[in-house]
Amino acid sequence: MAAAGVAGALLWWLRRTDRLHRSGERRRREAEAVRAGQLSLAEVDALSWQEFERYVAGLCRRDGCRDVVVTGGSGDLGADVTATLPDGRRLVIQCKHYAPHRYVPSGDMQKFLGTAWLHHRADVAVFAATCPFGEAALALAAEHRIVAVHRDLLGLWNTGTPLTALLGLGGAGQGGAAHRRRWRETYGRG
């Protein structure tokens, strides 16, 4: 009986150690990929939502942000990543890892808007998504100074454009009607 308990404990310890090692190794590879700019948007799409938050934090570190913390998860009140920009401003980022054919709805933007400035005391609020923003969500972002980093801007950030260069764009670049039509046809929503 005691031998079975020892064997069970040993098996549990080995599985836990293996899981921790694999998790650490995956995070190390993600961090290396961010530093080297090696992830394609397809690879970003394949990340889990937790990995995407860590990925965004890695992009912030790459761009010289300090005190980068991933706070995402239940109860984060809309702040998945917090950091200090190189110029000293407080950065708060909401991350949404949605399928490329989806849109960020205005409700998601409303929730972030409700906490970014007052609760988290952001100097700069960024909403980073792996998809485009709906028109109402984009209008809210523009009206309330939230930088909407949609899929196109995420692609620029991913390939080396510093976050500070994207801050002035505020979500511009989702394209006109022809671009949106081609996008819908590409993702089968035409």
N, C-alpha and C. Protein backbone atom coordinates (compact mmCIF):
# COMPACT_ATOMS: atom_id res chain seq x y z
N MET A 1 0.82 -1.18 0.00
CA MET A 1 0.00 0.00 0.00
C MET A 1 0.87 1.26 0.00
N ALA A 2 1.88 1.27 0.87
CA ALA A 2 2.77 2.42 0.94
C ALA A 2 3.55 2.59 -0.36
N ALA A 3 3.93 1.48 -0.97
CA ALA A 3 4.67 1.53 -2.24
C ALA A 3 3.81 2.15 -3.33
N ALA A 4 2.52 1.84 -3.33
CA ALA A 4 1.61 2.43 -4.33
C ALA A 4 1.51 3.94 -4.12
N GLY A 5 1.48 4.37 -2.86
CA GLY A 5 1.42 5.80 -2.56
C GLY A 5 2.67 6.53 -3.01
N VAL A 6 3.82 5.91 -2.76
CA VAL A 6 5.10 6.49 -3.18
C VAL A 6 5.16 6.55 -4.71
N ALA A 7 4.73 5.46 -5.35
CA ALA A 7 4.74 5.43 -6.82
C ALA A 7 3.80 6.49 -7.38
N GLY A 8 2.63 6.65 -6.77
CA GLY A 8 1.68 7.67 -7.22
C GLY A 8 2.26 9.07 -7.05
N ALA A 9 2.87 9.31 -5.90
CA ALA A 9 3.49 10.62 -5.65
C ALA A 9 4.61 10.89 -6.64
N LEU A 10 5.42 9.88 -6.93
CA LEU A 10 6.51 10.03 -7.89
C LEU A 10 5.96 10.32 -9.28
N LEU A 11 4.92 9.60 -9.68
CA LEU A 11 4.30 9.83 -10.98
C LEU A 11 3.74 11.26 -11.07
N TRP A 12 3.06 11.70 -10.01
CA TRP A 12 2.52 13.07 -9.98
C TRP A 12 3.66 14.08 -10.13
N TRP A 13 4.75 13.87 -9.39
CA TRP A 13 5.88 14.80 -9.43
C TRP A 13 6.50 14.85 -10.83
N LEU A 14 6.65 13.67 -11.45
CA LEU A 14 7.23 13.62 -12.79
C LEU A 14 6.34 14.34 -13.80
N ARG A 15 5.04 14.12 -13.75
CA ARG A 15 4.11 14.80 -14.67
C ARG A 15 4.14 16.31 -14.45
N ARG A 16 4.12 16.72 -13.20
CA ARG A 16 4.14 18.16 -12.89
C ARG A 16 5.44 18.80 -13.38
N THR A 17 6.56 18.14 -13.13
CA THR A 17 7.85 18.66 -13.58
C THR A 17 7.89 18.76 -15.10
N ASP A 18 7.40 17.73 -15.78
CA ASP A 18 7.36 17.75 -17.24
C ASP A 18 6.48 18.89 -17.75
N ARG A 19 5.30 19.06 -17.15
CA ARG A 19 4.38 20.12 -17.57
C ARG A 19 5.01 21.50 -17.36
N LEU A 20 5.64 21.69 -16.21
CA LEU A 20 6.30 22.98 -15.94
C LEU A 20 7.44 23.23 -16.92
N HIS A 21 8.22 22.19 -17.20
CA HIS A 21 9.33 22.33 -18.14
C HIS A 21 8.82 22.69 -19.53
N ARG A 22 7.78 21.99 -20.00
CA ARG A 22 7.22 22.27 -21.32
C ARG A 22 6.65 23.68 -21.39
N SER A 23 5.96 24.09 -20.34
CA SER A 23 5.38 25.43 -20.30
C SER A 23 6.48 26.50 -20.35
N GLY A 24 7.52 26.30 -19.56
CA GLY A 24 8.63 27.25 -19.56
C GLY A 24 9.34 27.29 -20.90
N GLU A 25 9.51 26.13 -21.50
CA GLU A 25 10.16 26.05 -22.81
C GLU A 25 9.33 26.76 -23.87
N ARG A 26 8.00 26.59 -23.83
CA ARG A 26 7.12 27.26 -24.79
C ARG A 26 7.20 28.78 -24.62
N ARG A 27 7.19 29.25 -23.37
CA ARG A 27 7.30 30.70 -23.13
C ARG A 27 8.65 31.24 -23.61
N ARG A 28 9.71 30.46 -23.40
CA ARG A 28 11.03 30.89 -23.85
C ARG A 28 11.07 31.01 -25.37
N ARG A 29 10.49 30.01 -26.08
CA ARG A 29 10.44 30.06 -27.54
C ARG A 29 9.61 31.25 -28.03
N GLU A 30 8.49 31.52 -27.36
CA GLU A 30 7.66 32.66 -27.74
C GLU A 30 8.45 33.96 -27.56
N ALA A 31 9.15 34.07 -26.44
CA ALA A 31 9.93 35.29 -26.19
C ALA A 31 11.03 35.46 -27.23
N GLU A 32 11.68 34.37 -27.58
CA GLU A 32 12.71 34.45 -28.62
C GLU A 32 12.12 34.86 -29.96
N ALA A 33 10.96 34.31 -30.27
CA ALA A 33 10.31 34.65 -31.54
C ALA A 33 9.93 36.12 -31.57
N VAL A 34 9.45 36.66 -30.47
CA VAL A 34 9.11 38.07 -30.40
C VAL A 34 10.36 38.92 -30.61
N ARG A 35 11.44 38.57 -29.92
CA ARG A 35 12.67 39.34 -30.06
C ARG A 35 13.18 39.30 -31.50
N ALA A 36 13.04 38.18 -32.13
CA ALA A 36 13.56 38.03 -33.48
C ALA A 36 12.54 38.41 -34.55
N GLY A 37 11.29 38.69 -34.14
CA GLY A 37 10.25 39.03 -35.11
C GLY A 37 9.92 37.87 -36.03
N GLN A 38 9.92 36.66 -35.49
CA GLN A 38 9.77 35.48 -36.33
C GLN A 38 8.35 34.95 -36.43
N LEU A 39 7.41 35.46 -35.66
CA LEU A 39 6.05 34.93 -35.73
C LEU A 39 5.30 35.59 -36.88
N SER A 40 4.67 34.76 -37.69
CA SER A 40 3.78 35.29 -38.72
C SER A 40 2.42 35.53 -38.06
N LEU A 41 1.53 36.25 -38.74
CA LEU A 41 0.20 36.45 -38.18
C LEU A 41 -0.54 35.11 -38.05
N ALA A 42 -0.27 34.17 -38.95
CA ALA A 42 -0.88 32.84 -38.83
C ALA A 42 -0.42 32.16 -37.54
N GLU A 43 0.86 32.33 -37.19
CA GLU A 43 1.35 31.76 -35.94
C GLU A 43 0.77 32.49 -34.74
N VAL A 44 0.58 33.79 -34.86
CA VAL A 44 -0.08 34.55 -33.79
C VAL A 44 -1.51 34.05 -33.62
N ASP A 45 -2.19 33.78 -34.73
CA ASP A 45 -3.55 33.24 -34.67
C ASP A 45 -3.60 31.90 -33.94
N ALA A 46 -2.54 31.12 -34.05
CA ALA A 46 -2.49 29.79 -33.43
C ALA A 46 -2.21 29.84 -31.93
N LEU A 47 -1.81 30.99 -31.41
CA LEU A 47 -1.55 31.11 -29.98
C LEU A 47 -2.86 31.02 -29.20
N SER A 48 -2.78 30.61 -27.96
CA SER A 48 -3.94 30.69 -27.07
C SER A 48 -4.09 32.14 -26.63
N TRP A 49 -5.21 32.46 -25.99
CA TRP A 49 -5.39 33.84 -25.56
C TRP A 49 -4.35 34.23 -24.51
N GLN A 50 -3.93 33.27 -23.66
CA GLN A 50 -2.90 33.57 -22.67
C GLN A 50 -1.55 33.81 -23.34
N GLU A 51 -1.25 32.99 -24.33
CA GLU A 51 0.01 33.16 -25.07
C GLU A 51 0.00 34.48 -25.82
N PHE A 52 -1.16 34.87 -26.35
CA PHE A 52 -1.26 36.15 -27.06
C PHE A 52 -0.98 37.31 -26.10
N GLU A 53 -1.48 37.25 -24.89
CA GLU A 53 -1.20 38.30 -23.91
C GLU A 53 0.30 38.37 -23.62
N ARG A 54 0.93 37.22 -23.44
CA ARG A 54 2.39 37.21 -23.20
C ARG A 54 3.14 37.71 -24.43
N TYR A 55 2.63 37.39 -25.61
CA TYR A 55 3.23 37.84 -26.86
C TYR A 55 3.20 39.37 -26.94
N VAL A 56 2.04 39.96 -26.64
CA VAL A 56 1.91 41.42 -26.65
C VAL A 56 2.85 42.04 -25.62
N ALA A 57 2.95 41.42 -24.46
CA ALA A 57 3.89 41.91 -23.44
C ALA A 57 5.33 41.86 -23.98
N GLY A 58 5.66 40.81 -24.71
CA GLY A 58 6.99 40.70 -25.31
C GLY A 58 7.25 41.78 -26.33
N LEU A 59 6.23 42.13 -27.12
CA LEU A 59 6.38 43.22 -28.08
C LEU A 59 6.63 44.54 -27.34
N CYS A 60 5.95 44.74 -26.22
CA CYS A 60 6.17 45.95 -25.42
C CYS A 60 7.62 46.01 -24.92
N ARG A 61 8.11 44.88 -24.41
CA ARG A 61 9.50 44.84 -23.93
C ARG A 61 10.47 45.13 -25.07
N ARG A 62 10.21 44.52 -26.23
CA ARG A 62 11.06 44.74 -27.40
C ARG A 62 11.15 46.22 -27.74
N ASP A 63 10.04 46.94 -27.54
CA ASP A 63 9.98 48.35 -27.90
C ASP A 63 10.41 49.28 -26.77
N GLY A 64 11.03 48.72 -25.73
CA GLY A 64 11.62 49.55 -24.69
C GLY A 64 10.74 49.88 -23.51
N CYS A 65 9.57 49.24 -23.41
CA CYS A 65 8.71 49.48 -22.25
C CYS A 65 9.34 48.83 -21.02
N ARG A 66 9.09 49.44 -19.88
CA ARG A 66 9.59 48.93 -18.60
C ARG A 66 8.42 48.45 -17.76
N ASP A 67 8.73 47.71 -16.72
CA ASP A 67 7.72 47.26 -15.75
C ASP A 67 6.54 46.58 -16.44
N VAL A 68 6.82 45.76 -17.44
CA VAL A 68 5.76 45.08 -18.20
C VAL A 68 5.22 43.93 -17.36
N VAL A 69 3.90 43.94 -17.16
CA VAL A 69 3.24 42.91 -16.37
C VAL A 69 2.04 42.39 -17.14
N VAL A 70 1.92 41.06 -17.22
CA VAL A 70 0.73 40.44 -17.80
C VAL A 70 -0.24 40.21 -16.65
N THR A 71 -1.37 40.89 -16.70
CA THR A 71 -2.34 40.81 -15.61
C THR A 71 -3.62 40.12 -16.04
N GLY A 72 -3.66 39.64 -17.29
CA GLY A 72 -4.88 39.09 -17.87
C GLY A 72 -5.44 37.91 -17.11
N GLY A 73 -6.72 37.71 -17.33
CA GLY A 73 -7.43 36.62 -16.69
C GLY A 73 -8.68 37.14 -16.02
N SER A 74 -9.35 36.29 -15.33
CA SER A 74 -10.57 36.66 -14.64
C SER A 74 -10.27 37.74 -13.61
N GLY A 75 -11.06 38.79 -13.63
CA GLY A 75 -10.90 39.86 -12.65
C GLY A 75 -9.85 40.90 -13.00
N ASP A 76 -9.36 40.91 -14.24
CA ASP A 76 -8.32 41.88 -14.61
C ASP A 76 -8.89 43.27 -14.89
N LEU A 77 -10.21 43.38 -14.95
CA LEU A 77 -10.88 44.65 -15.22
C LEU A 77 -10.37 45.31 -16.49
N GLY A 78 -10.14 44.52 -17.51
CA GLY A 78 -9.80 45.04 -18.82
C GLY A 78 -8.33 45.33 -19.06
N ALA A 79 -7.49 45.11 -18.08
CA ALA A 79 -6.05 45.37 -18.27
C ALA A 79 -5.33 44.04 -18.37
N ASP A 80 -5.03 43.62 -19.58
CA ASP A 80 -4.31 42.36 -19.76
C ASP A 80 -2.80 42.55 -19.64
N VAL A 81 -2.31 43.71 -20.06
CA VAL A 81 -0.89 44.04 -19.97
C VAL A 81 -0.78 45.48 -19.48
N THR A 82 0.08 45.70 -18.50
CA THR A 82 0.39 47.06 -18.07
C THR A 82 1.89 47.26 -18.20
N ALA A 83 2.28 48.50 -18.46
CA ALA A 83 3.71 48.78 -18.64
C ALA A 83 3.95 50.28 -18.51
N THR A 84 5.20 50.64 -18.54
CA THR A 84 5.61 52.03 -18.60
C THR A 84 6.30 52.24 -19.94
N LEU A 85 5.78 53.18 -20.73
CA LEU A 85 6.38 53.49 -22.03
C LEU A 85 7.77 54.09 -21.82
N PRO A 86 8.62 54.07 -22.84
CA PRO A 86 9.97 54.63 -22.69
C PRO A 86 9.97 56.09 -22.22
N ASP A 87 8.90 56.85 -22.52
CA ASP A 87 8.85 58.25 -22.09
C ASP A 87 8.22 58.42 -20.71
N GLY A 88 7.90 57.30 -20.02
CA GLY A 88 7.40 57.37 -18.66
C GLY A 88 5.89 57.31 -18.50
N ARG A 89 5.14 57.30 -19.58
CA ARG A 89 3.68 57.24 -19.48
C ARG A 89 3.22 55.82 -19.13
N ARG A 90 2.12 55.74 -18.39
CA ARG A 90 1.53 54.44 -18.00
C ARG A 90 0.71 53.90 -19.16
N LEU A 91 1.02 52.67 -19.57
CA LEU A 91 0.37 52.00 -20.68
C LEU A 91 -0.52 50.87 -20.14
N VAL A 92 -1.76 50.83 -20.63
CA VAL A 92 -2.69 49.75 -20.28
C VAL A 92 -3.20 49.17 -21.59
N ILE A 93 -3.09 47.84 -21.73
CA ILE A 93 -3.49 47.17 -22.97
C ILE A 93 -4.54 46.11 -22.67
N GLN A 94 -5.60 46.14 -23.45
CA GLN A 94 -6.60 45.07 -23.47
C GLN A 94 -6.29 44.23 -24.70
N CYS A 95 -6.21 42.91 -24.55
CA CYS A 95 -5.90 42.01 -25.66
C CYS A 95 -7.13 41.14 -25.96
N LYS A 96 -7.44 41.02 -27.23
CA LYS A 96 -8.50 40.09 -27.66
C LYS A 96 -7.95 39.21 -28.76
N HIS A 97 -7.93 37.93 -28.49
CA HIS A 97 -7.44 36.95 -29.45
C HIS A 97 -8.64 36.28 -30.08
N TYR A 98 -9.17 36.91 -31.11
CA TYR A 98 -10.33 36.40 -31.82
C TYR A 98 -9.88 35.85 -33.17
N ALA A 99 -10.72 35.01 -33.76
CA ALA A 99 -10.46 34.50 -35.11
C ALA A 99 -10.41 35.68 -36.08
N PRO A 100 -9.57 35.59 -37.11
CA PRO A 100 -9.39 36.72 -38.03
C PRO A 100 -10.68 37.18 -38.72
N HIS A 101 -11.67 36.30 -38.85
CA HIS A 101 -12.91 36.68 -39.54
C HIS A 101 -13.91 37.40 -38.63
N ARG A 102 -13.62 37.45 -37.33
CA ARG A 102 -14.52 38.14 -36.40
C ARG A 102 -14.22 39.62 -36.36
N TYR A 103 -15.05 40.35 -35.67
CA TYR A 103 -14.85 41.76 -35.40
C TYR A 103 -14.90 41.97 -33.90
N VAL A 104 -14.16 42.95 -33.38
CA VAL A 104 -14.29 43.33 -31.98
C VAL A 104 -15.58 44.14 -31.87
N PRO A 105 -16.53 43.69 -31.05
CA PRO A 105 -17.80 44.42 -30.93
C PRO A 105 -17.66 45.63 -30.01
N SER A 106 -18.62 46.52 -30.13
CA SER A 106 -18.57 47.75 -29.32
C SER A 106 -18.66 47.44 -27.83
N GLY A 107 -19.34 46.34 -27.46
CA GLY A 107 -19.43 45.99 -26.04
C GLY A 107 -18.06 45.75 -25.41
N ASP A 108 -17.16 45.10 -26.15
CA ASP A 108 -15.80 44.89 -25.63
C ASP A 108 -15.09 46.22 -25.44
N MET A 109 -15.27 47.13 -26.39
CA MET A 109 -14.63 48.44 -26.28
C MET A 109 -15.24 49.23 -25.12
N GLN A 110 -16.54 49.12 -24.93
CA GLN A 110 -17.21 49.83 -23.84
C GLN A 110 -16.66 49.37 -22.49
N LYS A 111 -16.47 48.07 -22.32
CA LYS A 111 -15.94 47.55 -21.07
C LYS A 111 -14.54 48.10 -20.79
N PHE A 112 -13.70 48.10 -21.83
CA PHE A 112 -12.34 48.61 -21.65
C PHE A 112 -12.36 50.11 -21.37
N LEU A 113 -13.20 50.82 -22.09
CA LEU A 113 -13.33 52.27 -21.89
C LEU A 113 -13.73 52.58 -20.46
N GLY A 114 -14.58 51.72 -19.89
CA GLY A 114 -15.06 51.95 -18.54
C GLY A 114 -14.01 51.80 -17.46
N THR A 115 -12.88 51.14 -17.76
CA THR A 115 -11.87 50.92 -16.72
C THR A 115 -10.50 51.50 -17.04
N ALA A 116 -10.19 51.69 -18.31
CA ALA A 116 -8.82 52.08 -18.70
C ALA A 116 -8.36 53.36 -18.02
N TRP A 117 -9.16 54.39 -18.10
CA TRP A 117 -8.74 55.69 -17.59
C TRP A 117 -8.97 55.82 -16.09
N LEU A 118 -10.16 55.47 -15.63
CA LEU A 118 -10.50 55.70 -14.22
C LEU A 118 -9.88 54.68 -13.28
N HIS A 119 -10.07 53.42 -13.56
CA HIS A 119 -9.59 52.39 -12.64
C HIS A 119 -8.08 52.16 -12.77
N HIS A 120 -7.61 52.00 -14.00
CA HIS A 120 -6.20 51.67 -14.22
C HIS A 120 -5.31 52.90 -14.36
N ARG A 121 -5.92 54.06 -14.45
CA ARG A 121 -5.18 55.34 -14.54
C ARG A 121 -4.17 55.35 -15.69
N ALA A 122 -4.64 54.92 -16.85
CA ALA A 122 -3.79 54.86 -18.03
C ALA A 122 -3.47 56.27 -18.53
N ASP A 123 -2.25 56.46 -18.98
CA ASP A 123 -1.90 57.64 -19.76
C ASP A 123 -2.14 57.32 -21.24
N VAL A 124 -1.90 56.06 -21.59
CA VAL A 124 -2.12 55.57 -22.95
C VAL A 124 -2.88 54.25 -22.83
N ALA A 125 -4.03 54.17 -23.51
CA ALA A 125 -4.84 52.94 -23.50
C ALA A 125 -4.82 52.34 -24.90
N VAL A 126 -4.50 51.06 -24.98
CA VAL A 126 -4.39 50.36 -26.26
C VAL A 126 -5.28 49.12 -26.20
N PHE A 127 -6.04 48.92 -27.27
CA PHE A 127 -6.85 47.71 -27.41
C PHE A 127 -6.26 46.95 -28.59
N ALA A 128 -5.57 45.84 -28.32
CA ALA A 128 -4.89 45.06 -29.36
C ALA A 128 -5.71 43.82 -29.68
N ALA A 129 -5.99 43.61 -30.96
CA ALA A 129 -6.82 42.48 -31.37
C ALA A 129 -6.23 41.80 -32.60
N THR A 130 -6.56 40.53 -32.75
CA THR A 130 -6.10 39.75 -33.89
C THR A 130 -7.10 39.81 -35.04
N CYS A 131 -8.04 40.72 -34.97
CA CYS A 131 -9.08 40.88 -35.99
C CYS A 131 -9.40 42.36 -36.12
N PRO A 132 -10.24 42.73 -37.08
CA PRO A 132 -10.66 44.14 -37.19
C PRO A 132 -11.63 44.52 -36.07
N PHE A 133 -11.91 45.80 -35.98
CA PHE A 133 -12.89 46.32 -35.03
C PHE A 133 -14.18 46.64 -35.77
N GLY A 134 -15.30 46.42 -35.12
CA GLY A 134 -16.57 46.84 -35.68
C GLY A 134 -16.61 48.36 -35.75
N GLU A 135 -17.46 48.91 -36.61
CA GLU A 135 -17.51 50.36 -36.79
C GLU A 135 -17.80 51.09 -35.49
N ALA A 136 -18.77 50.58 -34.69
CA ALA A 136 -19.12 51.25 -33.43
C ALA A 136 -17.96 51.19 -32.45
N ALA A 137 -17.25 50.06 -32.39
CA ALA A 137 -16.11 49.93 -31.49
C ALA A 137 -14.99 50.89 -31.90
N LEU A 138 -14.75 51.01 -33.20
CA LEU A 138 -13.71 51.90 -33.69
C LEU A 138 -14.07 53.37 -33.42
N ALA A 139 -15.34 53.70 -33.58
CA ALA A 139 -15.79 55.07 -33.30
C ALA A 139 -15.61 55.40 -31.82
N LEU A 140 -15.95 54.45 -30.94
CA LEU A 140 -15.75 54.67 -29.50
C LEU A 140 -14.27 54.88 -29.19
N ALA A 141 -13.43 54.05 -29.78
CA ALA A 141 -11.99 54.16 -29.55
C ALA A 141 -11.49 55.55 -29.96
N ALA A 142 -11.90 55.99 -31.14
CA ALA A 142 -11.45 57.30 -31.63
C ALA A 142 -11.96 58.43 -30.73
N GLU A 143 -13.20 58.33 -30.33
CA GLU A 143 -13.79 59.39 -29.50
C GLU A 143 -13.14 59.50 -28.13
N HIS A 144 -12.67 58.36 -27.60
CA HIS A 144 -12.14 58.35 -26.24
C HIS A 144 -10.64 58.09 -26.16
N ARG A 145 -9.92 58.36 -27.25
CA ARG A 145 -8.46 58.30 -27.28
C ARG A 145 -7.89 56.92 -26.95
N ILE A 146 -8.59 55.86 -27.33
CA ILE A 146 -8.07 54.51 -27.18
C ILE A 146 -7.45 54.11 -28.51
N VAL A 147 -6.22 53.65 -28.47
CA VAL A 147 -5.54 53.23 -29.69
C VAL A 147 -6.02 51.83 -30.04
N ALA A 148 -6.69 51.71 -31.17
CA ALA A 148 -7.24 50.43 -31.63
C ALA A 148 -6.21 49.75 -32.55
N VAL A 149 -5.49 48.79 -32.02
CA VAL A 149 -4.50 48.05 -32.81
C VAL A 149 -5.22 46.83 -33.39
N HIS A 150 -5.78 47.03 -34.58
CA HIS A 150 -6.48 45.95 -35.26
C HIS A 150 -5.47 45.07 -35.99
N ARG A 151 -5.96 44.08 -36.71
CA ARG A 151 -5.10 43.07 -37.34
C ARG A 151 -4.02 43.68 -38.22
N ASP A 152 -4.36 44.70 -39.02
CA ASP A 152 -3.35 45.30 -39.91
C ASP A 152 -2.24 45.96 -39.10
N LEU A 153 -2.62 46.71 -38.06
CA LEU A 153 -1.60 47.37 -37.23
C LEU A 153 -0.83 46.34 -36.40
N LEU A 154 -1.50 45.28 -35.97
CA LEU A 154 -0.80 44.22 -35.26
C LEU A 154 0.27 43.62 -36.16
N GLY A 155 -0.05 43.47 -37.45
CA GLY A 155 0.94 42.98 -38.40
C GLY A 155 2.16 43.88 -38.49
N LEU A 156 1.92 45.20 -38.48
CA LEU A 156 3.04 46.15 -38.49
C LEU A 156 3.86 46.06 -37.21
N TRP A 157 3.16 46.02 -36.08
CA TRP A 157 3.84 45.93 -34.79
C TRP A 157 4.65 44.63 -34.72
N ASN A 158 4.06 43.57 -35.19
CA ASN A 158 4.69 42.25 -35.20
C ASN A 158 5.98 42.24 -36.01
N THR A 159 6.03 42.99 -37.10
CA THR A 159 7.21 42.94 -37.98
C THR A 159 8.23 44.03 -37.67
N GLY A 160 8.08 44.69 -36.52
CA GLY A 160 9.15 45.59 -36.08
C GLY A 160 8.80 47.05 -35.94
N THR A 161 7.63 47.48 -36.40
CA THR A 161 7.25 48.87 -36.19
C THR A 161 7.04 49.07 -34.69
N PRO A 162 7.72 50.05 -34.08
CA PRO A 162 7.58 50.23 -32.63
C PRO A 162 6.18 50.70 -32.25
N LEU A 163 5.75 50.30 -31.08
CA LEU A 163 4.43 50.70 -30.58
C LEU A 163 4.27 52.21 -30.58
N THR A 164 5.31 52.92 -30.22
CA THR A 164 5.21 54.38 -30.16
C THR A 164 4.87 54.98 -31.52
N ALA A 165 5.28 54.32 -32.60
CA ALA A 165 4.93 54.80 -33.95
C ALA A 165 3.47 54.52 -34.28
N LEU A 166 2.88 53.50 -33.65
CA LEU A 166 1.49 53.15 -33.91
C LEU A 166 0.51 53.96 -33.08
N LEU A 167 0.98 54.56 -31.99
CA LEU A 167 0.08 55.25 -31.07
C LEU A 167 -0.67 56.40 -31.75
N GLY A 168 -0.04 57.08 -32.68
CA GLY A 168 -0.69 58.20 -33.34
C GLY A 168 -1.72 57.79 -34.37
N LEU A 169 -1.73 56.52 -34.75
CA LEU A 169 -2.67 56.07 -35.79
C LEU A 169 -4.06 55.82 -35.23
N GLY A 170 -4.15 55.37 -34.00
CA GLY A 170 -5.42 55.22 -33.33
C GLY A 170 -6.43 54.34 -34.05
N GLY A 171 -6.02 53.35 -34.79
CA GLY A 171 -6.94 52.42 -35.43
C GLY A 171 -7.17 52.69 -36.89
N ALA A 172 -6.52 53.69 -37.44
CA ALA A 172 -6.66 53.97 -38.87
C ALA A 172 -6.09 52.81 -39.67
N GLY A 173 -6.54 52.67 -40.88
CA GLY A 173 -5.95 51.68 -41.76
C GLY A 173 -6.74 50.41 -41.94
N GLN A 174 -7.99 50.37 -41.50
CA GLN A 174 -8.79 49.17 -41.73
C GLN A 174 -9.29 49.12 -43.16
N GLY A 175 -9.03 50.15 -43.92
CA GLY A 175 -9.33 50.13 -45.34
C GLY A 175 -10.73 50.62 -45.67
N GLY A 176 -10.91 50.87 -46.95
CA GLY A 176 -12.21 51.32 -47.43
C GLY A 176 -13.09 50.14 -47.78
N ALA A 177 -14.17 50.43 -48.50
CA ALA A 177 -15.16 49.40 -48.84
C ALA A 177 -14.54 48.27 -49.68
N ALA A 178 -13.67 48.62 -50.63
CA ALA A 178 -13.06 47.59 -51.48
C ALA A 178 -12.17 46.66 -50.65
N HIS A 179 -11.40 47.24 -49.74
CA HIS A 179 -10.54 46.42 -48.87
C HIS A 179 -11.39 45.49 -48.00
N ARG A 180 -12.46 46.02 -47.39
CA ARG A 180 -13.32 45.20 -46.54
C ARG A 180 -14.00 44.10 -47.34
N ARG A 181 -14.39 44.39 -48.60
CA ARG A 181 -15.01 43.37 -49.45
C ARG A 181 -14.02 42.24 -49.74
N ARG A 182 -12.77 42.59 -50.10
CA ARG A 182 -11.75 41.56 -50.35
C ARG A 182 -11.48 40.74 -49.08
N TRP A 183 -11.47 41.41 -47.95
CA TRP A 183 -11.24 40.75 -46.68
C TRP A 183 -12.35 39.74 -46.39
N ARG A 184 -13.62 40.15 -46.60
CA ARG A 184 -14.75 39.24 -46.37
C ARG A 184 -14.68 38.05 -47.33
N GLU A 185 -14.31 38.31 -48.59
CA GLU A 185 -14.19 37.22 -49.55
C GLU A 185 -13.09 36.24 -49.16
N THR A 186 -11.98 36.77 -48.64
CA THR A 186 -10.87 35.93 -48.22
C THR A 186 -11.27 35.01 -47.09
N TYR A 187 -12.02 35.54 -46.13
CA TYR A 187 -12.41 34.76 -44.96
C TYR A 187 -13.80 34.16 -45.08
N GLY A 188 -14.38 34.17 -46.29
CA GLY A 188 -15.62 33.45 -46.53
C GLY A 188 -16.85 34.09 -45.92
N ARG A 189 -16.79 35.39 -45.70
CA ARG A 189 -17.95 36.05 -45.11
C ARG A 189 -18.53 37.05 -46.09
N GLY A 190 -18.33 36.82 -47.38
CA GLY A 190 -18.76 37.75 -48.40
C GLY A 190 -20.12 37.51 -48.85
